Amino acid sequence: MPILTAVARKRLPTTARHVLTLMLETRVRTDVFHCNAAISACSKGQWQLALNLLSIMPDMGIFRDTISYNSAISACEKAGQWQTALSLLSSLLDTRIVADKISYNAAISACGKEGQWQLALSLLNSMPDMKLIPNTISCNAAVSALEKGGKWRLALSLLSRLPDMRLIPNEVTYSAAISACEKAGQWQRALSLLGIMPDLLVIPNTISYSAAISACEKAGQWELALSLLSCMPDLSLVRDKICFSAAISACEKGGQWQLALSLLNSMPHMKLIPNTISYSAAISACEKGGQWELALSLLSGMPDMKVMPNEISFSAAISACEKAGQWQLALSLLSSMPDMAVIPNEICYSAAISACEKGACEEGG
C-alpha cells in the first residue's frame, strides 16, 4: 500500500498504526508488506509499538518474515533497548525464518551503543556459524562497541583483521578506532591512524578529525590540536562545535587563553553557535590565565547567546574570582546559581570558601 510505505519513510509510527488499524476494520486485504512498513515506521524510538505490531501479526493470519524481525530489532537498537534486540534475534533464530546480516548488524549495534562490547564481539564471531559473512557494517558496529567500552587494543586488533576478512575499512571504521584511542589517552596512535587513512584511499571525515583533536586535547598537545583544526578546510571538511570545543579545551590545558578566546570568537563567523562546553573551556582558560574579568564577561554573555551555563562554567568563573582575591564576586556567583537552575558542585563551594579565606586573611592583616 503506497500510503503505508510513505508513512514508513517519514517515520510516522502512530499514523502507520492508525492506517493499519483502519485497513483491518474496513477489511482491506492486509499482508506482510503492510505490517513490515508499519514496523519500519517505528524505527525512531517507538520500539514498544514495533514489538506490538510484530506480536499481533500471527493473530492477523500474517506470517512474519526476516524483514519483520529486522525492522523491530532496528527500532530497539535506536531506542537503546539492547536486551530486547537480543531477545528478538534469539526468537528469530528459534523460528524457521532465516536471520541475515541485517539482523546481526542491528543487534551488534544495539549492544555496542550501550557499551556491551563482549556481546557485540560474540555476535560478530558467531555470524560464520550461521553461514553469514560479516560485512563492513558488522565490523564498524563492533569497533564502535569496543570504543564505547574503552577497549582500544581490541578495537585496533579488529581493525587490523579486516583485510584477512576481505573487508575494506572505511571512514566509519577508522573514526571509531581513533575515538577508542582518544578515550584511552593514546594520542600518538590516534594521529597515526588519521595519518594513514589517505594512503589507504580512505578519506577522513569531520568525526575522524574531531576524535583526533580530542586526543590531542586530552594529552595537552594544543599546537597539534590547532594544526589539525586549521587544515580541515583544505580537506573540504566542515568544522563543527565538537572540533572547536576540543581545540578550545586544548588551548585551555596549554595555558593559551588568548587563543582559546580567539577560537570562541571565531565560531559565530562560521555560523557555529558556541555551546556550553566551548564557553566552559574558554572560561577555564581565562581562569588559568588570571583573566577573571574576561571569565565573568564570558559567563554573563552566555544567556545572550542562548547558551545556558552549567556547574563547570560557574566553577571556572568562581575559581577565577578566587585566584584574583574577588571573594565578594565569588560568593555572588555561588548564590546566583540556583536562579539559573544550576546546582553548585563541590568545586564551586571549595573555590568560594577558598576565596573567603583569602579575603579574611587580607582583611585581617
Protein backbone atom coordinates (compact mmCIF):
# COMPACT_ATOMS: atom_id res chain seq x y z
CA MET A 1 0.00 0.00 0.00
CA PRO A 2 1.67 3.28 -1.13
CA ILE A 3 0.40 5.33 1.83
CA LEU A 4 1.97 2.95 4.38
CA THR A 5 5.26 2.98 2.50
CA ALA A 6 5.24 6.79 2.50
CA VAL A 7 4.43 6.88 6.22
CA ALA A 8 7.26 4.42 6.91
CA ARG A 9 9.75 6.57 5.03
CA LYS A 10 8.70 9.62 7.03
CA ARG A 11 8.97 7.65 10.28
CA LEU A 12 5.40 8.29 11.47
CA PRO A 13 4.67 5.25 13.67
CA THR A 14 1.34 6.38 15.16
CA THR A 15 -0.01 7.28 11.72
CA ALA A 16 1.18 3.91 10.39
CA ARG A 17 -0.63 2.10 13.20
CA HIS A 18 -3.82 4.06 12.50
CA VAL A 19 -3.65 3.28 8.80
CA LEU A 20 -3.08 -0.42 9.52
CA THR A 21 -5.96 -0.49 12.01
CA LEU A 22 -8.27 1.22 9.54
CA MET A 23 -7.34 -1.33 6.90
CA LEU A 24 -8.23 -4.17 9.25
CA GLU A 25 -11.51 -2.57 10.36
CA THR A 26 -12.62 -1.98 6.77
CA ARG A 27 -11.47 -5.48 5.83
CA VAL A 28 -8.98 -4.23 3.29
CA ARG A 29 -6.62 -7.06 2.39
CA THR A 30 -3.58 -6.75 4.67
CA ASP A 31 -0.35 -8.67 4.16
CA VAL A 32 3.20 -8.91 5.49
CA PHE A 33 4.35 -5.96 3.38
CA HIS A 34 1.83 -3.65 5.07
CA CYS A 35 2.86 -4.82 8.55
CA ASN A 36 6.55 -4.51 7.74
CA ALA A 37 6.02 -0.95 6.52
CA ALA A 38 4.23 -0.09 9.77
CA ILE A 39 7.00 -1.66 11.90
CA SER A 40 9.64 0.14 9.84
CA ALA A 41 7.91 3.44 10.64
CA CYS A 42 8.70 2.75 14.31
CA SER A 43 12.45 2.80 13.72
CA LYS A 44 12.93 6.13 15.51
CA GLY A 45 12.44 5.09 19.10
CA GLN A 46 8.90 3.68 19.04
CA TRP A 47 10.17 0.25 19.95
CA GLN A 48 7.15 -0.78 22.08
CA LEU A 49 4.84 -0.09 19.15
CA ALA A 50 7.16 -2.08 16.86
CA LEU A 51 7.02 -5.05 19.24
CA ASN A 52 3.26 -4.76 19.49
CA LEU A 53 2.85 -4.79 15.72
CA LEU A 54 5.22 -7.75 15.42
CA SER A 55 3.35 -9.70 18.10
CA ILE A 56 -0.14 -9.25 16.58
CA MET A 57 0.84 -10.39 13.09
CA PRO A 58 0.04 -14.10 13.79
CA ASP A 59 -3.40 -13.09 15.14
CA MET A 60 -3.97 -11.35 11.82
CA GLY A 61 -3.09 -14.54 9.98
CA ILE A 62 0.08 -12.96 8.62
CA PHE A 63 3.39 -14.83 8.66
CA ARG A 64 6.32 -12.78 9.91
CA ASP A 65 9.45 -12.71 7.78
CA THR A 66 13.07 -11.63 8.20
CA ILE A 67 12.21 -8.02 7.40
CA SER A 68 9.54 -8.00 10.14
CA TYR A 69 12.10 -9.02 12.75
CA ASN A 70 14.87 -6.82 11.36
CA SER A 71 12.65 -3.74 11.50
CA ALA A 72 11.72 -4.48 15.12
CA ILE A 73 15.34 -5.16 16.11
CA SER A 74 16.36 -1.90 14.45
CA ALA A 75 13.67 0.00 16.39
CA CYS A 76 15.05 -1.46 19.64
CA GLU A 77 18.61 -0.62 18.59
CA LYS A 78 17.75 3.03 18.02
CA ALA A 79 15.94 3.19 21.36
CA GLY A 80 18.88 1.71 23.28
CA GLN A 81 16.94 -1.45 24.10
CA TRP A 82 19.81 -3.89 23.59
CA GLN A 83 18.33 -6.67 25.72
CA THR A 84 15.08 -6.64 23.77
CA ALA A 85 17.03 -6.55 20.50
CA LEU A 86 18.92 -9.68 21.56
CA SER A 87 15.70 -11.33 22.66
CA LEU A 88 14.19 -10.68 19.23
CA LEU A 89 17.25 -12.08 17.48
CA SER A 90 17.07 -15.16 19.68
CA SER A 91 13.38 -15.57 18.86
CA LEU A 92 14.17 -15.21 15.18
CA LEU A 93 16.82 -17.94 15.38
CA ASP A 94 14.29 -20.24 17.08
CA THR A 95 11.94 -19.95 14.12
CA ARG A 96 12.23 -21.28 10.58
CA ILE A 97 12.80 -17.71 9.43
CA VAL A 98 16.36 -17.11 8.26
CA ALA A 99 18.33 -14.40 10.03
CA ASP A 100 20.55 -12.32 7.76
CA LYS A 101 23.40 -9.82 8.09
CA ILE A 102 20.96 -7.00 8.79
CA SER A 103 19.55 -8.94 11.76
CA TYR A 104 23.01 -9.36 13.27
CA ASN A 105 24.23 -5.87 12.39
CA ALA A 106 21.28 -4.26 14.15
CA ALA A 107 21.79 -6.46 17.22
CA ILE A 108 25.56 -5.78 17.30
CA SER A 109 24.88 -2.04 17.02
CA ALA A 110 22.28 -2.24 19.81
CA CYS A 111 24.81 -3.88 22.13
CA GLY A 112 27.58 -1.52 21.09
CA LYS A 113 25.62 1.65 21.76
CA GLU A 114 25.05 0.56 25.33
CA GLY A 115 28.66 -0.46 25.94
CA GLN A 116 28.01 -4.21 25.77
CA TRP A 117 31.19 -4.86 23.82
CA GLN A 118 31.55 -8.50 24.87
CA LEU A 119 28.12 -9.34 23.46
CA ALA A 120 28.80 -7.31 20.32
CA LEU A 121 32.01 -9.28 19.68
CA SER A 122 30.28 -12.57 20.46
CA LEU A 123 27.58 -11.82 17.90
CA LEU A 124 30.17 -10.85 15.29
CA ASN A 125 32.17 -14.02 15.88
CA SER A 126 29.05 -16.20 15.74
CA MET A 127 27.98 -14.99 12.29
CA PRO A 128 30.09 -17.54 10.33
CA ASP A 129 28.44 -20.33 12.36
CA MET A 130 25.15 -19.13 10.90
CA LYS A 131 26.71 -19.16 7.42
CA LEU A 132 26.75 -15.39 7.41
CA ILE A 133 29.85 -13.49 6.34
CA PRO A 134 30.28 -10.25 8.33
CA ASN A 135 30.45 -7.10 6.23
CA THR A 136 31.99 -3.70 6.91
CA ILE A 137 28.84 -2.55 8.70
CA SER A 138 29.10 -5.54 11.07
CA CYS A 139 32.72 -4.73 11.90
CA ASN A 140 32.07 -1.00 12.21
CA ALA A 141 29.37 -1.70 14.79
CA ALA A 142 31.77 -3.98 16.69
CA VAL A 143 34.64 -1.46 16.60
CA SER A 144 32.23 1.21 17.87
CA ALA A 145 31.21 -1.14 20.68
CA LEU A 146 34.85 -1.59 21.67
CA GLU A 147 35.38 2.17 21.51
CA LYS A 148 32.50 2.77 23.90
CA GLY A 149 33.79 0.01 26.14
CA GLY A 150 37.24 1.59 26.31
CA LYS A 151 38.88 -1.42 24.65
CA TRP A 152 41.25 0.37 22.29
CA ARG A 153 43.64 -2.57 21.84
CA LEU A 154 40.80 -4.86 20.79
CA ALA A 155 39.46 -2.13 18.50
CA LEU A 156 42.84 -1.85 16.75
CA SER A 157 43.13 -5.62 16.61
CA LEU A 158 39.76 -5.93 14.89
CA LEU A 159 40.69 -3.13 12.50
CA SER A 160 43.88 -4.97 11.54
CA ARG A 161 41.91 -8.19 10.91
CA LEU A 162 39.58 -6.67 8.35
CA PRO A 163 41.84 -7.33 5.31
CA ASP A 164 42.01 -11.02 6.31
CA MET A 165 38.21 -10.97 6.30
CA ARG A 166 38.36 -9.49 2.79
CA LEU A 167 36.77 -6.31 4.09
CA ILE A 168 37.87 -2.76 3.39
CA PRO A 169 37.78 -0.40 6.40
CA ASN A 170 36.05 2.91 5.70
CA GLU A 171 35.96 6.31 7.40
CA VAL A 172 33.46 5.00 9.97
CA THR A 173 35.79 2.15 10.96
CA TYR A 174 38.78 4.45 11.35
CA SER A 175 36.81 7.16 13.16
CA ALA A 176 35.66 4.63 15.76
CA ALA A 177 39.21 3.30 16.17
CA ILE A 178 40.62 6.84 16.52
CA SER A 179 37.95 7.62 19.09
CA ALA A 180 38.87 4.45 21.00
CA CYS A 181 42.48 5.63 21.15
CA GLU A 182 41.36 9.12 22.14
CA LYS A 183 39.37 7.82 25.10
CA ALA A 184 42.37 5.78 26.24
CA GLY A 185 44.79 8.73 26.01
CA GLN A 186 46.63 7.11 23.09
CA TRP A 187 47.03 10.34 21.13
CA GLN A 188 50.04 9.17 19.09
CA ARG A 189 48.14 6.12 17.89
CA ALA A 190 45.10 8.28 17.12
CA LEU A 191 47.24 10.59 14.96
CA SER A 192 48.92 7.61 13.31
CA LEU A 193 45.54 6.17 12.29
CA LEU A 194 44.41 9.54 10.94
CA GLY A 195 47.66 9.86 9.00
CA ILE A 196 47.47 6.50 7.24
CA MET A 197 43.86 6.88 6.10
CA PRO A 198 44.65 8.75 2.82
CA ASP A 199 47.37 6.19 2.00
CA LEU A 200 44.69 3.52 2.16
CA LEU A 201 42.36 5.62 -0.01
CA VAL A 202 40.08 6.26 2.96
CA ILE A 203 39.08 9.91 3.19
CA PRO A 204 38.94 11.20 6.80
CA ASN A 205 35.71 12.94 7.77
CA THR A 206 34.78 15.52 10.40
CA ILE A 207 34.29 12.79 13.01
CA SER A 208 37.79 11.42 12.35
CA TYR A 209 39.34 14.83 12.89
CA SER A 210 37.17 15.65 15.90
CA ALA A 211 38.34 12.46 17.62
CA ALA A 212 41.99 13.19 16.77
CA ILE A 213 41.71 16.78 18.04
CA SER A 214 40.13 15.47 21.25
CA ALA A 215 43.00 13.01 21.63
CA CYS A 216 45.49 15.89 21.36
CA GLU A 217 43.42 17.96 23.78
CA LYS A 218 43.48 15.27 26.45
CA ALA A 219 47.25 14.96 26.08
CA GLY A 220 47.78 18.72 26.32
CA GLN A 221 49.04 18.86 22.74
CA TRP A 222 47.40 22.18 21.94
CA GLU A 223 49.64 23.01 18.99
CA LEU A 224 48.81 19.73 17.27
CA ALA A 225 45.11 20.23 18.04
CA LEU A 226 45.18 23.67 16.38
CA SER A 227 47.13 22.30 13.44
CA LEU A 228 44.50 19.64 12.83
CA LEU A 229 41.70 22.16 13.14
CA SER A 230 43.35 24.59 10.73
CA CYS A 231 43.94 22.00 8.00
CA MET A 232 40.33 20.78 7.89
CA PRO A 233 39.10 23.43 5.39
CA ASP A 234 41.90 22.42 2.98
CA LEU A 235 40.37 18.95 3.00
CA SER A 236 36.87 20.36 2.42
CA LEU A 237 35.83 19.20 5.87
CA VAL A 238 33.22 21.13 7.81
CA ARG A 239 34.43 22.15 11.25
CA ASP A 240 31.72 21.69 13.86
CA LYS A 241 31.17 22.59 17.52
CA ILE A 242 32.86 19.40 18.66
CA CYS A 243 36.09 20.26 16.81
CA PHE A 244 36.17 23.81 18.13
CA SER A 245 35.25 22.83 21.69
CA ALA A 246 38.07 20.28 21.75
CA ALA A 247 40.55 22.80 20.33
CA ILE A 248 39.48 25.47 22.86
CA SER A 249 39.89 22.94 25.66
CA ALA A 250 43.34 22.05 24.31
CA CYS A 251 44.33 25.73 24.46
CA GLU A 252 42.96 25.92 27.99
CA LYS A 253 45.09 22.99 29.09
CA GLY A 254 48.10 24.59 27.42
CA GLY A 255 47.58 27.90 29.18
CA GLN A 256 46.80 29.66 25.89
CA TRP A 257 43.84 31.81 26.97
CA GLN A 258 44.22 34.30 24.11
CA LEU A 259 43.99 31.52 21.53
CA ALA A 260 41.05 29.96 23.36
CA LEU A 261 39.17 33.27 23.19
CA SER A 262 40.12 33.74 19.56
CA LEU A 263 38.66 30.35 18.66
CA LEU A 264 35.50 31.02 20.63
CA ASN A 265 35.00 34.40 18.97
CA SER A 266 35.58 32.96 15.50
CA MET A 267 32.79 30.39 15.79
CA PRO A 268 29.83 32.74 15.02
CA HIS A 269 31.63 33.91 11.86
CA MET A 270 31.46 30.29 10.72
CA LYS A 271 27.77 30.11 11.58
CA LEU A 272 28.54 28.00 14.62
CA ILE A 273 26.89 28.88 17.92
CA PRO A 274 29.29 28.03 20.77
CA ASN A 275 27.85 25.54 23.23
CA THR A 276 28.25 25.14 26.98
CA ILE A 277 31.40 23.05 26.51
CA SER A 278 33.01 25.73 24.32
CA TYR A 279 32.24 28.50 26.81
CA SER A 280 33.25 26.49 29.87
CA ALA A 281 36.62 25.68 28.30
CA ALA A 282 37.19 29.34 27.40
CA ILE A 283 36.20 30.49 30.91
CA SER A 284 38.58 27.93 32.39
CA ALA A 285 41.34 29.18 30.07
CA CYS A 286 40.78 32.73 31.35
CA GLU A 287 40.80 31.44 34.92
CA LYS A 288 44.15 29.74 34.41
CA GLY A 289 45.49 32.89 32.74
CA GLY A 290 44.44 35.11 35.64
CA GLN A 291 41.86 36.90 33.48
CA TRP A 292 38.99 36.99 35.96
CA GLU A 293 37.18 39.91 34.33
CA LEU A 294 37.14 38.13 30.97
CA ALA A 295 35.93 34.96 32.68
CA LEU A 296 32.99 36.84 34.21
CA SER A 297 32.25 38.56 30.92
CA LEU A 298 32.05 35.22 29.13
CA LEU A 299 29.81 33.75 31.83
CA SER A 300 27.41 36.71 31.79
CA GLY A 301 27.27 36.69 27.98
CA MET A 302 26.22 33.06 27.67
CA PRO A 303 22.44 33.59 28.09
CA ASP A 304 22.53 36.28 25.37
CA MET A 305 23.85 33.59 23.03
CA LYS A 306 21.07 31.27 24.24
CA VAL A 307 23.67 29.05 25.89
CA MET A 308 22.95 28.10 29.48
CA PRO A 309 25.90 27.89 31.90
CA ASN A 310 26.36 24.71 33.90
CA GLU A 311 28.24 23.88 37.09
CA ILE A 312 31.52 23.66 35.15
CA SER A 313 31.06 27.17 33.74
CA PHE A 314 30.32 28.57 37.20
CA SER A 315 33.10 26.68 38.97
CA ALA A 316 35.67 28.03 36.50
CA ALA A 317 34.39 31.60 36.96
CA ILE A 318 34.31 31.26 40.76
CA SER A 319 37.86 29.88 40.69
CA ALA A 320 38.91 32.87 38.58
CA CYS A 321 37.48 35.23 41.21
CA GLU A 322 39.12 33.21 43.98
CA LYS A 323 42.56 33.49 42.38
CA ALA A 324 42.09 37.23 41.92
CA GLY A 325 41.01 37.74 45.54
CA GLN A 326 37.50 38.75 44.46
CA TRP A 327 35.73 36.93 47.25
CA GLN A 328 32.55 39.03 47.14
CA LEU A 329 32.10 38.23 43.44
CA ALA A 330 32.84 34.56 44.12
CA LEU A 331 30.05 34.46 46.71
CA SER A 332 27.72 36.39 44.43
CA LEU A 333 28.25 33.85 41.66
CA LEU A 334 27.68 30.95 44.02
CA SER A 335 24.42 32.44 45.32
CA SER A 336 23.16 33.17 41.79
CA MET A 337 23.49 29.59 40.59
CA PRO A 338 20.07 28.34 41.82
CA ASP A 339 18.40 31.24 39.94
CA MET A 340 19.96 29.77 36.77
CA ALA A 341 18.71 26.30 37.71
CA VAL A 342 22.31 25.16 38.27
CA ILE A 343 23.17 23.13 41.37
CA PRO A 344 26.60 24.07 42.81
CA ASN A 345 29.07 21.20 42.95
CA GLU A 346 31.95 20.55 45.33
CA ILE A 347 34.39 22.56 43.19
CA CYS A 348 32.11 25.62 43.29
CA TYR A 349 31.85 25.50 47.08
CA SER A 350 35.55 24.82 47.56
CA ALA A 351 36.55 27.76 45.34
CA ALA A 352 34.10 30.10 47.10
CA ILE A 353 35.31 29.00 50.55
CA SER A 354 38.93 29.46 49.47
CA ALA A 355 38.08 32.95 48.17
CA CYS A 356 36.53 33.87 51.53
CA GLU A 357 39.55 32.52 53.40
CA LYS A 358 41.90 34.64 51.27
CA GLY A 359 39.65 37.66 51.76
CA ALA A 360 39.62 37.17 55.54
CA CYS A 361 43.41 36.88 55.62
CA GLU A 362 43.82 40.07 53.62
CA GLU A 363 41.35 41.99 55.79
CA GLY A 364 42.95 40.63 58.94
CA GLY A 365 46.27 41.93 58.07
